[in-house]
């Protein structure tokens, strides 16, 4: 018996996907590895910040500070906004979706929803 297809994504670009249950970050474990999966309930907060030379605009992947981690995104130098995710741990991933407004809204709506996973 064939398995049911996965539910449609709420948002998807080359590197970031918001499913009904979790945020998927492709290229997090570059060059190999599966996408990093983060349940919305694990996100304590989302902080929007401007991408500048000093805040990672030219960083394609990784970090210069062990506290923050950027997924692979070769298009990051052409983007203006990043989203910093507080997951309650030492390392805070930051992402650069093509549509940061949509992703920020989905994460906040899902993480605050009653009974969210």
N, C-alpha and C. Protein backbone atom coordinates (compact mmCIF):
# COMPACT_ATOMS: atom_id res chain seq x y z
N UNK A 1 0.85 -1.17 0.00
CA UNK A 1 0.00 0.00 0.00
C UNK A 1 0.90 1.24 0.00
N UNK A 2 0.72 2.15 -0.95
CA UNK A 2 1.58 3.34 -1.01
C UNK A 2 1.33 4.27 0.17
N UNK A 3 2.41 4.92 0.60
CA UNK A 3 2.27 5.86 1.71
C UNK A 3 1.65 7.16 1.22
N UNK A 4 1.06 7.87 2.14
CA UNK A 4 0.42 9.14 1.80
C UNK A 4 1.50 10.17 1.47
N UNK A 5 1.23 11.05 0.51
CA UNK A 5 2.21 12.09 0.20
C UNK A 5 2.35 13.04 1.37
N UNK A 6 3.53 13.66 1.50
CA UNK A 6 3.70 14.62 2.60
C UNK A 6 2.76 15.81 2.42
N UNK A 7 2.39 16.47 3.51
CA UNK A 7 1.52 17.64 3.38
C UNK A 7 2.24 18.75 2.61
N UNK A 8 1.49 19.59 1.93
CA UNK A 8 2.13 20.66 1.16
C UNK A 8 2.85 21.64 2.09
N UNK A 9 3.90 22.22 1.56
CA UNK A 9 4.66 23.21 2.33
C UNK A 9 3.88 24.51 2.44
N UNK A 10 4.10 25.20 3.56
CA UNK A 10 3.52 26.53 3.74
C UNK A 10 4.38 27.58 3.04
N UNK A 11 5.68 27.25 2.90
CA UNK A 11 6.64 28.14 2.24
C UNK A 11 7.82 27.27 1.82
N UNK A 12 8.40 27.61 0.67
CA UNK A 12 9.59 26.89 0.23
C UNK A 12 10.39 27.74 -0.75
N UNK A 13 11.69 27.85 -0.48
CA UNK A 13 12.62 28.38 -1.47
C UNK A 13 13.78 27.39 -1.57
N UNK A 14 14.85 27.76 -2.19
CA UNK A 14 15.96 26.82 -2.41
C UNK A 14 16.52 26.29 -1.09
N UNK A 15 16.58 27.10 -0.04
CA UNK A 15 17.26 26.72 1.20
C UNK A 15 16.34 26.55 2.40
N UNK A 16 15.19 27.18 2.40
CA UNK A 16 14.30 27.19 3.57
C UNK A 16 12.95 26.61 3.19
N UNK A 17 12.42 25.76 4.06
CA UNK A 17 11.07 25.22 3.86
C UNK A 17 10.33 25.23 5.18
N UNK A 18 9.10 25.71 5.14
CA UNK A 18 8.21 25.66 6.30
C UNK A 18 7.12 24.64 6.01
N UNK A 19 7.15 23.52 6.70
CA UNK A 19 6.09 22.53 6.58
C UNK A 19 5.07 22.83 7.68
N UNK A 20 3.95 22.14 7.71
CA UNK A 20 3.01 22.38 8.80
C UNK A 20 3.59 22.05 10.18
N UNK A 21 4.59 21.16 10.26
CA UNK A 21 5.13 20.73 11.55
C UNK A 21 6.46 21.35 11.94
N UNK A 22 7.28 21.75 10.94
CA UNK A 22 8.64 22.16 11.28
C UNK A 22 9.26 23.04 10.20
N UNK A 23 10.34 23.68 10.61
CA UNK A 23 11.17 24.47 9.71
C UNK A 23 12.31 23.58 9.25
N UNK A 24 12.57 23.52 7.96
CA UNK A 24 13.68 22.76 7.40
C UNK A 24 14.69 23.73 6.80
N UNK A 25 15.96 23.58 7.19
CA UNK A 25 17.02 24.44 6.68
C UNK A 25 17.98 23.58 5.87
N UNK A 26 17.94 23.72 4.55
CA UNK A 26 18.87 22.99 3.69
C UNK A 26 20.22 23.69 3.71
N UNK A 27 21.29 22.92 3.54
CA UNK A 27 22.62 23.50 3.51
C UNK A 27 23.15 23.87 4.88
N UNK A 28 22.48 23.47 5.93
CA UNK A 28 22.95 23.77 7.28
C UNK A 28 24.20 22.95 7.58
N UNK A 29 24.16 21.68 7.18
CA UNK A 29 25.29 20.77 7.41
C UNK A 29 26.12 20.61 6.14
N UNK A 30 26.25 21.65 5.37
CA UNK A 30 27.01 21.66 4.12
C UNK A 30 28.41 21.10 4.36
N UNK A 31 28.98 20.34 3.46
CA UNK A 31 28.45 20.02 2.15
C UNK A 31 27.57 18.77 2.14
N UNK A 32 27.50 18.05 3.26
CA UNK A 32 26.71 16.83 3.30
C UNK A 32 25.72 16.90 4.44
N UNK A 33 24.79 15.99 4.40
CA UNK A 33 23.86 15.88 5.51
C UNK A 33 22.46 16.32 5.14
N UNK A 34 21.51 15.86 5.93
CA UNK A 34 20.12 16.21 5.68
C UNK A 34 19.84 17.64 6.12
N UNK A 35 18.69 18.16 5.74
CA UNK A 35 18.31 19.49 6.24
C UNK A 35 18.19 19.48 7.76
N UNK A 36 18.48 20.59 8.38
CA UNK A 36 18.25 20.73 9.83
C UNK A 36 16.75 20.93 10.01
N UNK A 37 16.15 20.11 10.85
CA UNK A 37 14.72 20.18 11.12
C UNK A 37 14.51 20.78 12.51
N UNK A 38 13.69 21.83 12.58
CA UNK A 38 13.41 22.50 13.84
C UNK A 38 11.90 22.56 14.04
N UNK A 39 11.42 21.90 15.08
CA UNK A 39 9.99 21.98 15.41
C UNK A 39 9.67 23.42 15.82
N UNK A 40 8.54 23.92 15.37
CA UNK A 40 8.16 25.30 15.71
C UNK A 40 8.11 25.51 17.22
N UNK A 41 7.72 24.49 17.95
CA UNK A 41 7.62 24.62 19.41
C UNK A 41 8.98 24.82 20.07
N UNK A 42 10.06 24.52 19.37
CA UNK A 42 11.42 24.70 19.91
C UNK A 42 11.93 26.13 19.72
N UNK A 43 11.25 26.91 18.90
CA UNK A 43 11.69 28.28 18.62
C UNK A 43 11.16 29.21 19.71
N UNK A 44 12.07 29.77 20.49
CA UNK A 44 11.68 30.71 21.55
C UNK A 44 11.36 32.08 20.99
N UNK A 45 12.15 32.50 20.00
CA UNK A 45 11.90 33.80 19.38
C UNK A 45 12.56 33.85 18.01
N UNK A 46 12.08 34.79 17.20
CA UNK A 46 12.66 35.09 15.89
C UNK A 46 13.01 36.57 15.91
N UNK A 47 14.26 36.87 15.65
CA UNK A 47 14.72 38.26 15.63
C UNK A 47 15.15 38.64 14.22
N UNK A 48 14.51 39.64 13.70
CA UNK A 48 14.81 40.14 12.35
C UNK A 48 15.98 41.12 12.46
N UNK A 49 16.94 41.03 11.52
CA UNK A 49 18.06 41.97 11.54
C UNK A 49 18.48 42.31 10.12
N UNK A 50 19.02 43.52 9.92
CA UNK A 50 19.48 43.91 8.59
C UNK A 50 20.80 43.23 8.27
N UNK A 51 20.93 42.74 7.05
CA UNK A 51 22.20 42.16 6.62
C UNK A 51 23.11 43.28 6.16
N UNK A 52 24.25 43.38 6.81
CA UNK A 52 25.27 44.36 6.45
C UNK A 52 26.62 43.63 6.39
N UNK A 53 27.63 44.35 6.01
CA UNK A 53 28.97 43.78 6.01
C UNK A 53 29.31 43.21 7.38
N UNK A 54 28.86 43.87 8.44
CA UNK A 54 29.20 43.47 9.81
C UNK A 54 28.28 42.40 10.36
N UNK A 55 27.14 42.15 9.73
CA UNK A 55 26.20 41.15 10.26
C UNK A 55 26.07 39.92 9.37
N UNK A 56 26.98 39.73 8.43
CA UNK A 56 27.01 38.48 7.68
C UNK A 56 26.55 38.53 6.24
N UNK A 57 26.36 39.71 5.69
CA UNK A 57 25.90 39.81 4.30
C UNK A 57 26.80 39.02 3.34
N UNK A 58 28.10 39.00 3.59
CA UNK A 58 29.04 38.34 2.69
C UNK A 58 29.40 36.93 3.15
N UNK A 59 28.78 36.46 4.22
CA UNK A 59 29.06 35.10 4.70
C UNK A 59 28.16 34.13 3.95
N UNK A 60 28.78 33.25 3.17
CA UNK A 60 28.02 32.29 2.37
C UNK A 60 27.55 31.10 3.21
N UNK A 61 28.37 30.70 4.18
CA UNK A 61 28.03 29.57 5.04
C UNK A 61 28.89 29.61 6.29
N UNK A 62 28.36 29.18 7.42
CA UNK A 62 29.15 29.04 8.63
C UNK A 62 29.11 30.24 9.54
N UNK A 63 30.25 30.54 10.17
CA UNK A 63 30.28 31.58 11.19
C UNK A 63 31.68 32.12 11.42
N UNK A 64 31.73 33.30 11.96
CA UNK A 64 32.99 33.81 12.50
C UNK A 64 32.88 33.87 14.03
N UNK A 65 31.69 33.55 14.54
CA UNK A 65 31.43 33.50 15.98
C UNK A 65 30.78 32.16 16.29
N UNK A 66 31.29 31.43 17.28
CA UNK A 66 30.71 30.12 17.57
C UNK A 66 29.27 30.19 18.10
N UNK A 67 28.77 31.37 18.37
CA UNK A 67 27.41 31.53 18.91
C UNK A 67 26.34 31.53 17.82
N UNK A 68 26.72 31.87 16.59
CA UNK A 68 25.75 32.01 15.49
C UNK A 68 26.18 31.13 14.32
N UNK A 69 25.19 30.54 13.63
CA UNK A 69 25.50 29.66 12.51
C UNK A 69 24.59 29.98 11.33
N UNK A 70 25.21 30.20 10.18
CA UNK A 70 24.47 30.51 8.95
C UNK A 70 24.47 29.31 8.01
N UNK A 71 23.32 28.97 7.49
CA UNK A 71 23.21 27.90 6.51
C UNK A 71 23.85 28.36 5.19
N UNK A 72 24.12 27.43 4.32
CA UNK A 72 24.64 27.76 2.99
C UNK A 72 23.61 28.59 2.23
N UNK A 73 24.03 29.71 1.69
CA UNK A 73 23.18 30.54 0.84
C UNK A 73 24.06 31.42 -0.03
N UNK A 74 24.41 30.93 -1.23
CA UNK A 74 25.26 31.72 -2.12
C UNK A 74 24.63 33.05 -2.55
N UNK A 75 23.31 33.18 -2.40
CA UNK A 75 22.63 34.42 -2.77
C UNK A 75 22.55 35.44 -1.65
N UNK A 76 23.11 35.12 -0.48
CA UNK A 76 23.01 36.00 0.68
C UNK A 76 23.52 37.42 0.42
N UNK A 77 24.61 37.63 -0.34
CA UNK A 77 25.07 39.01 -0.57
C UNK A 77 24.03 39.91 -1.26
N UNK A 78 23.02 39.29 -1.88
CA UNK A 78 21.99 40.06 -2.57
C UNK A 78 20.72 40.24 -1.73
N UNK A 79 20.76 39.81 -0.48
CA UNK A 79 19.60 39.90 0.40
C UNK A 79 19.80 40.99 1.43
N UNK A 80 18.70 41.47 2.00
CA UNK A 80 18.76 42.61 2.92
C UNK A 80 18.41 42.25 4.36
N UNK A 81 17.77 41.08 4.59
CA UNK A 81 17.25 40.75 5.92
C UNK A 81 17.62 39.32 6.30
N UNK A 82 17.99 39.14 7.56
CA UNK A 82 18.21 37.82 8.13
C UNK A 82 17.26 37.60 9.29
N UNK A 83 17.04 36.33 9.64
CA UNK A 83 16.21 35.97 10.79
C UNK A 83 17.05 35.12 11.74
N UNK A 84 17.20 35.59 12.97
CA UNK A 84 17.96 34.89 14.00
C UNK A 84 16.98 34.08 14.85
N UNK A 85 17.25 32.79 14.99
CA UNK A 85 16.36 31.90 15.73
C UNK A 85 16.95 31.57 17.10
N UNK A 86 16.20 31.84 18.15
CA UNK A 86 16.61 31.45 19.50
C UNK A 86 15.93 30.13 19.80
N UNK A 87 16.76 29.08 19.92
CA UNK A 87 16.24 27.74 20.20
C UNK A 87 16.52 27.33 21.64
N UNK A 88 17.05 28.27 22.43
CA UNK A 88 17.32 27.98 23.83
C UNK A 88 18.70 27.41 24.09
N UNK A 89 19.49 27.20 23.04
CA UNK A 89 20.84 26.66 23.22
C UNK A 89 21.90 27.72 22.99
N UNK A 90 23.15 27.31 23.07
CA UNK A 90 24.26 28.25 22.89
C UNK A 90 24.31 28.76 21.45
N UNK A 91 24.18 27.84 20.48
CA UNK A 91 24.25 28.23 19.07
C UNK A 91 22.88 28.68 18.59
N UNK A 92 22.87 29.82 17.93
CA UNK A 92 21.63 30.36 17.36
C UNK A 92 21.76 30.36 15.84
N UNK A 93 20.96 29.53 15.15
CA UNK A 93 21.01 29.57 13.70
C UNK A 93 20.39 30.86 13.18
N UNK A 94 20.93 31.35 12.07
CA UNK A 94 20.27 32.47 11.40
C UNK A 94 20.09 32.10 9.94
N UNK A 95 18.95 32.52 9.41
CA UNK A 95 18.55 32.11 8.07
C UNK A 95 18.26 33.34 7.21
N UNK A 96 18.35 33.13 5.91
CA UNK A 96 18.08 34.21 4.96
C UNK A 96 17.11 33.72 3.88
N UNK A 97 15.84 33.58 4.23
CA UNK A 97 14.86 33.16 3.24
C UNK A 97 14.67 34.22 2.16
N UNK A 98 14.20 33.78 1.00
CA UNK A 98 13.90 34.73 -0.07
C UNK A 98 12.78 35.68 0.34
N UNK A 99 11.83 35.20 1.13
CA UNK A 99 10.72 36.02 1.61
C UNK A 99 10.73 36.01 3.15
N UNK A 100 11.57 36.83 3.78
CA UNK A 100 11.67 36.80 5.24
C UNK A 100 10.36 37.15 5.95
N UNK A 101 9.54 38.01 5.36
CA UNK A 101 8.26 38.37 5.98
C UNK A 101 7.38 37.13 6.14
N UNK A 102 7.27 36.34 5.07
CA UNK A 102 6.43 35.14 5.10
C UNK A 102 6.96 34.13 6.10
N UNK A 103 8.26 33.89 6.11
CA UNK A 103 8.84 32.89 7.01
C UNK A 103 8.71 33.33 8.47
N UNK A 104 8.98 34.59 8.75
CA UNK A 104 8.84 35.10 10.12
C UNK A 104 7.39 34.94 10.60
N UNK A 105 6.44 35.25 9.74
CA UNK A 105 5.02 35.15 10.10
C UNK A 105 4.63 33.69 10.35
N UNK A 106 5.08 32.78 9.50
CA UNK A 106 4.75 31.36 9.67
C UNK A 106 5.34 30.83 10.98
N UNK A 107 6.62 31.12 11.22
CA UNK A 107 7.26 30.62 12.45
C UNK A 107 6.54 31.17 13.68
N UNK A 108 6.27 32.45 13.71
CA UNK A 108 5.61 33.04 14.88
C UNK A 108 4.20 32.50 15.07
N UNK A 109 3.47 32.35 13.98
CA UNK A 109 2.11 31.82 14.09
C UNK A 109 2.13 30.38 14.58
N UNK A 110 3.02 29.57 14.04
CA UNK A 110 3.08 28.15 14.39
C UNK A 110 3.64 27.93 15.79
N UNK A 111 4.63 28.70 16.19
CA UNK A 111 5.25 28.46 17.51
C UNK A 111 4.32 28.90 18.64
N UNK A 112 3.43 29.83 18.36
CA UNK A 112 2.52 30.34 19.38
C UNK A 112 1.14 29.70 19.33
N UNK A 113 0.91 28.83 18.33
CA UNK A 113 -0.41 28.22 18.17
C UNK A 113 -0.69 27.23 19.30
N UNK A 114 -1.90 27.28 19.86
CA UNK A 114 -2.25 26.30 20.90
C UNK A 114 -2.21 24.89 20.31
N UNK A 115 -1.57 23.99 21.03
CA UNK A 115 -1.49 22.60 20.58
C UNK A 115 -0.54 22.39 19.43
N UNK A 116 0.32 23.37 19.14
CA UNK A 116 1.26 23.17 18.04
C UNK A 116 2.28 22.12 18.45
N UNK A 117 2.78 21.36 17.45
CA UNK A 117 3.71 20.27 17.78
C UNK A 117 4.99 20.78 18.37
